[in-house]
Protein backbone atom coordinates (compact mmCIF):
# COMPACT_ATOMS: atom_id res chain seq x y z
CA MET A 1 5.56 170.98 -61.10
CA ALA A 2 5.39 167.19 -60.91
CA ILE A 3 2.04 165.63 -61.73
CA GLU A 4 0.78 163.17 -59.14
CA LYS A 5 0.08 159.83 -60.80
CA LYS A 6 -3.49 158.57 -60.73
CA GLN A 7 -4.35 155.60 -62.91
CA ARG A 8 -7.16 155.78 -65.45
CA ASN A 9 -10.44 154.12 -64.47
CA ALA A 10 -11.44 151.21 -66.68
CA ILE A 11 -14.99 151.22 -68.01
CA PRO A 12 -16.80 148.10 -66.71
CA GLU A 13 -17.62 145.53 -69.41
CA GLN A 14 -19.56 142.31 -69.85
CA GLU A 15 -17.36 139.22 -69.59
CA PRO A 16 -16.19 138.13 -73.08
CA PHE A 17 -17.60 134.57 -72.88
CA VAL A 18 -20.99 136.01 -71.92
CA ARG A 19 -21.25 138.95 -74.31
CA ALA A 20 -20.13 136.91 -77.35
CA HIS A 21 -23.57 135.28 -77.23
CA ASN A 22 -25.82 138.29 -76.70
CA PHE A 23 -26.50 141.66 -78.30
CA ASN A 24 -26.47 143.63 -75.04
CA GLU A 25 -24.06 146.53 -74.77
CA VAL A 26 -20.49 145.40 -74.13
CA ALA A 27 -19.23 148.46 -72.24
CA LEU A 28 -21.46 149.09 -69.23
CA GLY A 29 -20.40 152.69 -68.65
CA PHE A 30 -19.20 154.63 -65.61
CA THR A 31 -21.21 154.90 -62.45
CA ALA A 32 -21.59 158.43 -61.05
CA GLU A 33 -18.79 157.69 -58.59
CA LEU A 34 -16.41 156.45 -61.30
CA ALA A 35 -17.30 159.36 -63.60
CA ARG A 36 -16.49 161.89 -60.86
CA ASP A 37 -13.25 160.11 -60.00
CA GLU A 38 -12.18 159.96 -63.65
CA ALA A 39 -13.10 163.62 -64.20
CA SER A 40 -10.93 164.53 -61.20
CA ARG A 41 -7.88 163.26 -63.15
CA CYS A 42 -8.22 166.22 -65.54
CA LEU A 43 -5.43 168.75 -64.94
CA GLY A 44 -7.51 171.65 -66.24
CA CYS A 45 -4.78 172.70 -68.68
CA LYS A 46 -5.24 176.34 -69.65
CA ASN A 47 -4.37 175.72 -73.28
CA ALA A 48 -6.64 172.61 -73.32
CA PRO A 49 -4.70 170.49 -75.89
CA CYS A 50 -7.51 167.92 -75.72
CA MET A 51 -9.91 170.39 -77.36
CA LYS A 52 -7.62 170.69 -80.37
CA GLY A 53 -8.37 167.07 -81.16
CA CYS A 54 -12.17 167.40 -80.97
CA PRO A 55 -13.85 167.97 -84.38
CA VAL A 56 -16.84 169.70 -82.71
CA GLY A 57 -14.88 171.70 -80.16
CA VAL A 58 -16.35 170.33 -76.93
CA ARG A 59 -15.13 172.44 -73.98
CA ILE A 60 -13.57 169.41 -72.33
CA PRO A 61 -11.86 170.78 -69.19
CA GLU A 62 -14.99 172.81 -68.38
CA PHE A 63 -17.41 169.89 -68.53
CA LEU A 64 -15.00 167.58 -66.67
CA ALA A 65 -14.68 170.13 -63.83
CA LEU A 66 -18.47 170.22 -63.51
CA VAL A 67 -18.70 166.41 -63.44
CA LYS A 68 -16.00 166.34 -60.74
CA ASN A 69 -18.27 168.57 -58.63
CA GLY A 70 -21.34 166.44 -59.33
CA GLU A 71 -22.97 169.12 -61.50
CA TYR A 72 -24.04 166.71 -64.23
CA GLU A 73 -26.78 168.80 -65.82
CA LYS A 74 -24.52 171.83 -66.17
CA ALA A 75 -21.82 169.56 -67.61
CA GLY A 76 -24.35 168.22 -70.09
CA GLU A 77 -25.32 171.72 -71.16
CA VAL A 78 -21.67 172.52 -71.82
CA VAL A 79 -21.22 169.38 -73.92
CA LYS A 80 -24.49 169.84 -75.83
CA SER A 81 -23.65 173.43 -76.72
CA THR A 82 -21.31 172.01 -79.38
CA ASN A 83 -22.11 168.27 -79.48
CA SER A 84 -25.72 167.34 -80.21
CA LEU A 85 -25.19 163.59 -79.63
CA PRO A 86 -23.01 163.06 -76.53
CA SER A 87 -24.44 159.61 -75.71
CA VAL A 88 -23.50 158.47 -79.20
CA CYS A 89 -20.07 160.10 -79.33
CA GLY A 90 -19.13 158.83 -75.89
CA ARG A 91 -19.55 155.31 -77.27
CA VAL A 92 -18.33 155.32 -80.86
CA CYS A 93 -15.89 158.22 -81.31
CA PRO A 94 -12.21 157.27 -81.68
CA GLN A 95 -11.20 159.40 -78.69
CA GLU A 96 -7.83 157.69 -78.52
CA GLU A 97 -6.94 159.30 -81.85
CA GLN A 98 -8.54 162.66 -81.10
CA CYS A 99 -9.10 164.38 -77.74
CA GLU A 100 -7.47 161.71 -75.55
CA LYS A 101 -4.42 161.53 -77.80
CA ASN A 102 -3.64 165.14 -76.89
CA CYS A 103 -4.29 164.71 -73.15
CA VAL A 104 -1.22 165.65 -71.06
CA ARG A 105 -1.76 162.58 -68.90
CA ALA A 106 -1.52 160.27 -71.92
CA LYS A 107 2.25 159.84 -71.49
CA ILE A 108 2.17 159.76 -67.69
CA ASP A 109 -0.52 157.43 -66.39
CA GLY A 110 -3.07 157.18 -69.20
CA ALA A 111 -5.23 159.84 -70.83
CA VAL A 112 -8.36 160.97 -69.03
CA SER A 113 -11.27 158.81 -70.25
CA ILE A 114 -12.97 161.78 -71.87
CA GLY A 115 -15.26 159.55 -73.92
CA GLY A 116 -16.29 157.53 -70.88
CA VAL A 117 -17.24 160.63 -68.90
CA GLU A 118 -18.97 162.17 -71.94
CA ARG A 119 -21.05 159.01 -72.30
CA PHE A 120 -22.08 159.25 -68.63
CA VAL A 121 -23.08 162.90 -69.05
CA GLY A 122 -24.95 162.21 -72.30
CA ASP A 123 -26.91 159.37 -70.75
CA PHE A 124 -27.73 161.52 -67.73
CA MET A 125 -29.12 164.26 -69.99
CA LEU A 126 -31.42 161.75 -71.67
CA THR A 127 -33.07 161.03 -68.31
CA LEU A 128 -34.13 164.66 -67.86
CA PRO A 129 -37.56 165.89 -68.99
CA PRO A 130 -37.52 168.28 -71.96
CA LYS A 131 -37.12 171.92 -71.05
CA ALA A 132 -39.54 174.50 -72.33
CA ARG A 133 -37.60 176.65 -74.77
CA GLU A 134 -38.66 179.95 -76.21
CA ILE A 135 -37.22 179.94 -79.71
CA MET A 136 -38.13 182.86 -81.94
CA PRO A 137 -39.12 181.54 -85.40
CA SER A 138 -36.81 182.88 -88.09
CA GLY A 139 -39.26 182.39 -90.95
CA LYS A 140 -36.66 180.26 -92.76
CA ARG A 141 -37.10 176.63 -93.80
CA VAL A 142 -34.38 174.05 -94.44
CA ALA A 143 -34.59 170.50 -95.79
CA VAL A 144 -32.05 168.04 -94.40
CA VAL A 145 -31.41 164.90 -96.45
CA GLY A 146 -30.46 161.98 -94.22
CA SER A 147 -30.85 161.47 -90.48
CA GLY A 148 -27.35 160.23 -89.77
CA PRO A 149 -24.88 162.07 -87.54
CA SER A 150 -24.24 164.97 -89.93
CA GLY A 151 -27.95 165.46 -90.68
CA LEU A 152 -29.03 165.28 -87.03
CA THR A 153 -26.30 167.70 -85.98
CA CYS A 154 -27.15 170.18 -88.72
CA ALA A 155 -30.84 169.94 -87.90
CA ALA A 156 -30.23 170.52 -84.17
CA GLN A 157 -28.11 173.62 -84.74
CA LEU A 158 -30.61 175.12 -87.19
CA ALA A 159 -33.67 174.36 -85.05
CA ALA A 160 -32.05 175.95 -81.99
CA ALA A 161 -31.74 179.15 -84.03
CA GLY A 162 -35.43 179.20 -84.95
CA VAL A 163 -35.20 177.58 -88.39
CA ASP A 164 -38.08 175.31 -89.48
CA VAL A 165 -36.30 172.01 -90.25
CA THR A 166 -37.60 168.89 -91.97
CA VAL A 167 -35.37 165.81 -92.13
CA PHE A 168 -35.93 163.33 -94.98
CA GLU A 169 -34.84 159.76 -94.21
CA ALA A 170 -34.90 156.83 -96.65
CA PHE A 171 -35.32 154.15 -93.97
CA HIS A 172 -38.21 153.63 -91.58
CA LYS A 173 -36.15 154.69 -88.55
CA THR A 174 -34.09 157.78 -87.84
CA GLY A 175 -30.36 157.60 -87.24
CA GLY A 176 -28.78 156.63 -90.56
CA VAL A 177 -25.54 154.71 -90.04
CA LEU A 178 -26.09 154.94 -86.29
CA VAL A 179 -28.97 152.46 -86.59
CA TYR A 180 -28.15 150.43 -89.70
CA GLY A 181 -24.37 150.26 -89.43
CA ILE A 182 -23.40 150.12 -85.76
CA PRO A 183 -24.44 146.99 -83.84
CA GLU A 184 -26.66 147.08 -80.76
CA PHE A 185 -23.82 145.81 -78.58
CA ARG A 186 -21.84 148.97 -79.35
CA LEU A 187 -24.65 151.51 -79.63
CA PRO A 188 -28.14 150.67 -78.30
CA LYS A 189 -30.81 151.84 -80.72
CA LYS A 190 -32.96 153.24 -77.90
CA LEU A 191 -30.27 155.88 -77.34
CA VAL A 192 -30.34 156.98 -80.97
CA GLU A 193 -34.12 157.18 -80.80
CA ALA A 194 -33.92 159.21 -77.58
CA GLU A 195 -31.45 161.64 -79.16
CA ALA A 196 -33.75 162.03 -82.19
CA ASN A 197 -36.68 162.68 -79.86
CA LYS A 198 -34.73 165.55 -78.30
CA LEU A 199 -34.67 167.11 -81.78
CA LYS A 200 -38.42 166.66 -82.08
CA ASP A 201 -38.70 168.65 -78.85
CA LEU A 202 -36.93 171.46 -80.72
CA GLY A 203 -39.54 171.27 -83.46
CA VAL A 204 -37.60 169.24 -86.02
CA LYS A 205 -39.92 167.20 -88.28
CA PHE A 206 -38.97 163.81 -89.75
CA GLU A 207 -40.24 162.38 -93.04
CA LEU A 208 -39.36 158.67 -93.03
CA ASP A 209 -39.45 156.18 -95.92
CA THR A 210 -38.59 159.05 -98.24
CA VAL A 211 -35.86 158.40 -100.80
CA VAL A 212 -34.52 161.72 -102.03
CA GLY A 213 -33.80 161.31 -105.71
CA LYS A 214 -36.86 159.06 -106.16
CA THR A 215 -39.70 159.92 -103.78
CA VAL A 216 -38.79 163.60 -103.98
CA THR A 217 -36.07 165.31 -106.01
CA ILE A 218 -33.44 167.82 -104.93
CA ASP A 219 -34.98 170.34 -107.33
CA GLU A 220 -38.36 169.94 -105.62
CA LEU A 221 -36.71 170.53 -102.23
CA THR A 222 -34.90 173.67 -103.39
CA ALA A 223 -38.17 175.02 -104.76
CA GLU A 224 -39.90 174.57 -101.40
CA TYR A 225 -37.12 175.32 -98.89
CA ASP A 226 -34.72 178.24 -98.37
CA ALA A 227 -31.73 175.89 -98.23
CA VAL A 228 -30.94 172.18 -98.42
CA PHE A 229 -28.34 170.16 -96.52
CA ILE A 230 -27.31 166.77 -97.94
CA GLY A 231 -26.07 164.35 -95.30
CA SER A 232 -26.99 161.15 -97.10
CA GLY A 233 -23.87 159.24 -96.06
CA ALA A 234 -21.94 156.63 -97.99
CA GLY A 235 -24.03 153.50 -98.31
CA LEU A 236 -22.77 152.00 -101.57
CA PRO A 237 -20.56 148.98 -100.77
CA MET A 238 -17.25 148.22 -102.46
CA PHE A 239 -16.29 144.71 -103.54
CA MET A 240 -13.01 143.05 -104.54
CA GLY A 241 -13.91 142.22 -108.13
CA ILE A 242 -12.78 138.60 -107.86
CA PRO A 243 -14.47 135.40 -109.12
CA GLY A 244 -17.24 134.04 -106.94
CA GLU A 245 -18.40 137.27 -105.31
CA ASN A 246 -21.84 136.68 -106.80
CA LEU A 247 -22.31 133.38 -104.95
CA ASN A 248 -25.05 133.02 -102.37
CA GLY A 249 -23.58 133.53 -98.90
CA VAL A 250 -21.28 136.37 -99.98
CA PHE A 251 -22.50 139.66 -98.46
CA SER A 252 -21.36 143.23 -98.32
CA ALA A 253 -20.91 144.32 -94.71
CA ASN A 254 -23.46 147.02 -95.45
CA GLU A 255 -26.23 144.54 -96.30
CA TYR A 256 -25.30 142.14 -93.53
CA LEU A 257 -25.24 144.77 -90.76
CA THR A 258 -28.36 146.52 -92.06
CA ARG A 259 -30.33 143.26 -92.00
CA VAL A 260 -29.21 142.48 -88.45
CA ASN A 261 -29.19 145.99 -86.93
CA LEU A 262 -32.14 147.65 -88.62
CA MET A 263 -34.28 144.72 -89.74
CA GLY A 264 -33.89 142.63 -86.57
CA ALA A 265 -32.43 139.55 -88.27
CA TYR A 266 -31.04 138.42 -84.91
CA ASP A 267 -34.63 137.38 -84.14
CA GLU A 268 -35.36 133.85 -85.36
CA GLY A 269 -38.74 135.05 -86.69
CA ALA A 270 -37.41 138.14 -88.43
CA ILE A 271 -39.37 139.38 -91.45
CA THR A 272 -36.05 140.17 -93.14
CA PRO A 273 -33.79 137.25 -92.08
CA VAL A 274 -30.15 136.78 -92.92
CA GLN A 275 -27.99 133.69 -93.33
CA ARG A 276 -26.44 132.34 -90.14
CA GLY A 277 -23.04 131.03 -91.24
CA LYS A 278 -21.07 128.43 -89.32
CA ASN A 279 -17.62 129.17 -90.75
CA VAL A 280 -17.49 132.87 -91.56
CA ILE A 281 -14.78 134.92 -93.25
CA VAL A 282 -14.77 138.70 -92.97
CA VAL A 283 -12.57 140.51 -95.49
CA GLY A 284 -11.13 143.81 -94.22
CA ALA A 285 -9.84 145.20 -90.94
CA GLY A 286 -11.66 148.45 -90.21
CA ASN A 287 -14.30 149.11 -87.57
CA VAL A 288 -17.02 147.83 -89.90
CA ALA A 289 -15.14 144.55 -90.32
CA MET A 290 -14.91 144.21 -86.52
CA ASP A 291 -18.66 144.91 -86.25
CA ALA A 292 -19.45 142.28 -88.87
CA ALA A 293 -17.18 139.67 -87.30
CA ARG A 294 -18.53 140.20 -83.80
CA THR A 295 -22.10 140.15 -85.12
CA ALA A 296 -21.49 136.84 -86.92
CA LEU A 297 -20.32 135.32 -83.62
CA ARG A 298 -23.49 136.46 -81.90
CA MET A 299 -25.53 135.02 -84.77
CA GLY A 300 -24.19 131.57 -83.93
CA ALA A 301 -21.03 131.13 -86.02
CA GLU A 302 -18.62 128.43 -84.86
CA THR A 303 -15.58 130.17 -86.36
CA VAL A 304 -15.15 133.75 -87.54
CA THR A 305 -11.91 134.73 -89.25
CA VAL A 306 -10.95 138.26 -90.23
CA VAL A 307 -8.79 138.11 -93.36
CA TYR A 308 -6.53 141.12 -93.91
CA ARG A 309 -3.92 141.68 -96.58
CA ARG A 310 -1.66 143.74 -94.31
CA GLY A 311 -0.36 143.15 -90.77
CA ARG A 312 -1.70 143.87 -87.30
CA GLU A 313 0.07 147.24 -87.10
CA GLU A 314 -1.66 148.44 -90.26
CA MET A 315 -5.19 147.62 -89.09
CA PRO A 316 -7.38 150.76 -89.33
CA ALA A 317 -9.91 149.57 -86.72
CA ARG A 318 -9.92 151.05 -83.22
CA LYS A 319 -7.66 149.15 -80.81
CA GLU A 320 -10.61 148.75 -78.45
CA GLU A 321 -12.68 147.05 -81.16
CA ILE A 322 -9.81 144.72 -82.08
CA ARG A 323 -9.31 143.84 -78.41
CA HIS A 324 -13.00 143.13 -77.93
CA ALA A 325 -13.11 140.96 -81.05
CA GLU A 326 -10.10 138.89 -79.95
CA GLN A 327 -11.49 138.47 -76.44
CA GLU A 328 -14.74 137.16 -77.90
CA GLY A 329 -13.02 134.57 -80.07
CA VAL A 330 -12.63 136.19 -83.49
CA ARG A 331 -9.57 134.86 -85.34
CA PHE A 332 -7.23 136.98 -87.47
CA ALA A 333 -5.41 135.92 -90.62
CA PHE A 334 -2.89 138.65 -91.42
CA LEU A 335 -0.96 139.09 -94.68
CA THR A 336 -3.69 137.06 -96.37
CA ASN A 337 -5.89 138.02 -99.32
CA PRO A 338 -8.74 136.15 -101.06
CA VAL A 339 -8.35 135.75 -104.82
CA ARG A 340 -11.39 133.53 -105.51
CA PHE A 341 -14.53 132.20 -103.85
CA ASP A 342 -15.65 128.73 -104.88
CA GLY A 343 -19.13 127.35 -104.49
CA GLU A 344 -21.39 124.35 -104.65
CA ASN A 345 -24.97 124.50 -105.96
CA GLY A 346 -24.70 128.27 -106.06
CA TRP A 347 -23.54 128.66 -102.43
CA VAL A 348 -20.06 129.66 -101.31
CA LYS A 349 -18.10 126.78 -99.76
CA ASP A 350 -14.51 128.08 -99.51
CA ALA A 351 -12.12 130.92 -100.27
CA THR A 352 -8.84 130.56 -102.14
CA CYS A 353 -6.33 132.95 -100.56
CA VAL A 354 -2.71 133.95 -101.11
CA ARG A 355 -0.04 134.98 -98.64
CA MET A 356 1.09 138.58 -98.84
CA GLU A 357 4.23 140.46 -97.90
CA LEU A 358 4.62 144.17 -97.32
CA GLY A 359 6.51 146.24 -99.87
CA GLU A 360 7.04 149.98 -100.13
CA PRO A 361 4.56 152.48 -98.59
CA ASP A 362 1.63 153.54 -100.78
CA ALA A 363 -0.13 156.93 -100.98
CA SER A 364 -1.72 156.38 -97.56
CA GLY A 365 1.68 155.90 -95.94
CA ARG A 366 1.06 152.21 -95.29
CA ARG A 367 3.32 149.59 -96.83
CA SER A 368 1.77 148.07 -99.95
CA PRO A 369 0.87 144.37 -99.78
CA VAL A 370 2.41 142.20 -102.49
CA PRO A 371 1.29 138.60 -103.26
CA VAL A 372 3.78 135.82 -102.53
CA GLU A 373 4.10 133.68 -105.64
CA GLY A 374 2.89 130.09 -105.26
CA SER A 375 1.37 130.64 -101.82
CA GLU A 376 -2.27 129.82 -102.58
CA PHE A 377 -4.29 127.91 -99.97
CA THR A 378 -7.96 127.23 -99.30
CA VAL A 379 -10.06 128.24 -96.30
CA PRO A 380 -13.50 126.61 -95.76
CA ALA A 381 -16.30 129.18 -95.55
CA ASP A 382 -20.06 128.89 -95.86
CA MET A 383 -20.42 132.66 -95.51
CA VAL A 384 -18.26 135.64 -96.49
CA VAL A 385 -18.70 139.29 -95.48
CA VAL A 386 -16.80 141.85 -97.55
CA ALA A 387 -15.99 144.94 -95.48
CA LEU A 388 -13.78 147.03 -97.74
CA GLY A 389 -15.44 150.42 -97.41
CA THR A 390 -18.29 152.31 -99.01
CA SER A 391 -18.91 155.29 -101.24
CA PRO A 392 -21.91 157.63 -101.62
CA ASN A 393 -24.97 156.20 -103.32
CA PRO A 394 -25.17 157.82 -106.78
CA LEU A 395 -28.95 158.30 -106.57
CA ILE A 396 -28.80 161.95 -105.48
CA LYS A 397 -26.11 163.10 -107.89
CA ASP A 398 -27.72 161.19 -110.76
CA SER A 399 -31.04 162.90 -110.09
CA CYS A 400 -29.41 166.35 -109.86
CA ASP A 401 -26.64 166.61 -112.44
CA LYS A 402 -25.86 170.18 -111.40
CA LEU A 403 -24.09 168.84 -108.30
CA ALA A 404 -20.34 168.57 -108.88
CA THR A 405 -18.78 165.30 -107.71
CA ALA A 406 -15.26 163.93 -107.34
CA LYS A 407 -13.75 160.44 -107.05
CA ARG A 408 -16.28 157.71 -106.14
CA GLY A 409 -19.15 160.17 -106.40
CA ILE A 410 -18.41 162.25 -103.32
CA LEU A 411 -19.99 165.71 -103.40
CA VAL A 412 -17.66 168.67 -103.87
CA VAL A 413 -18.10 171.49 -101.34
CA ASP A 414 -16.35 174.77 -100.62
CA GLU A 415 -15.01 176.00 -97.28
CA ASP A 416 -18.57 176.87 -96.21
CA MET A 417 -19.77 173.33 -96.99
CA MET A 418 -21.77 174.59 -99.98
CA THR A 419 -21.93 172.43 -103.09
CA SER A 420 -21.64 173.67 -106.66
CA VAL A 421 -25.32 174.67 -106.46
CA ASP A 422 -26.13 177.86 -104.56
CA GLY A 423 -28.16 177.13 -101.44
CA ILE A 424 -27.37 173.41 -101.36
CA TYR A 425 -24.91 172.35 -98.66
CA ALA A 426 -23.48 168.93 -97.85
CA GLY A 427 -21.37 167.19 -95.24
CA GLY A 428 -20.43 163.90 -93.63
CA ASP A 429 -19.67 160.73 -95.56
CA ALA A 430 -21.42 162.10 -98.68
CA VAL A 431 -18.49 164.54 -98.90
CA THR A 432 -15.58 162.64 -97.33
CA GLY A 433 -16.45 159.05 -98.11
CA ALA A 434 -16.80 156.66 -95.16
CA ALA A 435 -15.30 158.33 -92.07
CA THR A 436 -16.09 158.71 -88.36
CA VAL A 437 -19.31 159.78 -86.67
CA ILE A 438 -17.67 162.78 -85.00
CA LEU A 439 -16.18 164.07 -88.27
CA ALA A 440 -19.63 163.86 -89.85
CA MET A 441 -21.06 165.77 -86.90
CA GLY A 442 -18.37 168.42 -87.26
CA ALA A 443 -19.32 168.86 -90.92
CA GLY A 444 -23.03 169.13 -90.04
CA ARG A 445 -22.25 171.76 -87.43
CA LYS A 446 -20.11 173.78 -89.84
CA ALA A 447 -22.75 173.60 -92.57
CA ALA A 448 -25.46 174.75 -90.15
CA HIS A 449 -23.34 177.77 -89.22
CA SER A 450 -22.89 178.63 -92.90
CA ILE A 451 -26.63 178.34 -93.51
CA LEU A 452 -27.36 180.57 -90.51
CA LYS A 453 -24.87 183.13 -91.84
CA ARG A 454 -26.69 183.00 -95.17
CA PHE A 455 -29.92 183.81 -93.34
CA GLY A 456 -28.32 186.59 -91.33
CA LEU A 457 -28.79 184.60 -88.12
CA ALA A 458 -25.07 184.17 -87.32
CA GLU A 459 -21.85 186.07 -87.86
């Protein structure tokens, strides 16, 4: 049977020339009318190929059918049965590489905007008053290390089953990478706070300003709790190892985004300020690099250039983030790699770069960049942000040497998400290295199920 064509609804956005100078959310979201219209594009496929691409198994055709009928609360309940953070996922998940990639409409007239409708439903659920829930206490207690996406998801699943959960967070706000790593213009912090408050309604307790490995040890947690889940993320930045990286004005993307996002450095009177560069270079081409580049623009930079050693086709960032960055005025220097940063009076003043060409594919399947001999040139820069990825902070493993680790200090887990220590589970970036929010959530959900099985509370 032929499928009637119906074009995908675009999510309304701020105009590029306006948003490049403010920290308000770029994508404005669907109205109820647009959400219903977009949901009506779903074909209701019986085999639901879209679900195969969702790491947390959201029942996509079911919730879309409910939105189509205007039953937003029921749709929200369907989504939240497997996804604890729909407002977050609707904004930052790479749907184009997951659920929407498998949508039957993708090759006809554009995949259903599953993320856009999920965002609408998630936001709607946050407007509802908390429901009184009768949850039978299980008598079990679990410590969750880290309040990022994997920790929050694990905590939500456990609390819903009657487990007494305490989340330990190193920073003064809950949310982990959701608050320190993702800019306000992509994910408003009030939404993360609202999602965390929903967990408090379930009885989850939060201990902030608590650095596990220093303030309290893993051994102390295992002595007090029936199980421990480590979702501490990957907050240790990677650098290039080239001359000049120790100059003032050279930042890791981690520090730069944390200062702006979590510490409010966008405020002129911020207690924890950050340099406001005029000519900024961002090294790397992932989502974090796009976040850093777009943040630098909003902080008043005159030019922001993303320097990447491969080509446009090899960029790992989401296409939407690249498009937004280009619209806002970010420049791109492809097949270019810094080899040295030079300074004056201790401050960076320029970057010496070389041209690159692509050779044979490496282990990742991407063609390896090779320097072009004699191609050095200089780019003026009073600020450099290095966005080349992160690895887990070694603090936890160093304070608990019983935990087995692999390359770059990631924690080793089995198929049940349990580490080498009985009763200690882990998931998210602490296990995979820097990855996506939804993959971290999937790991938190799986770990929670394993812990509940351990307690005899799940099959």
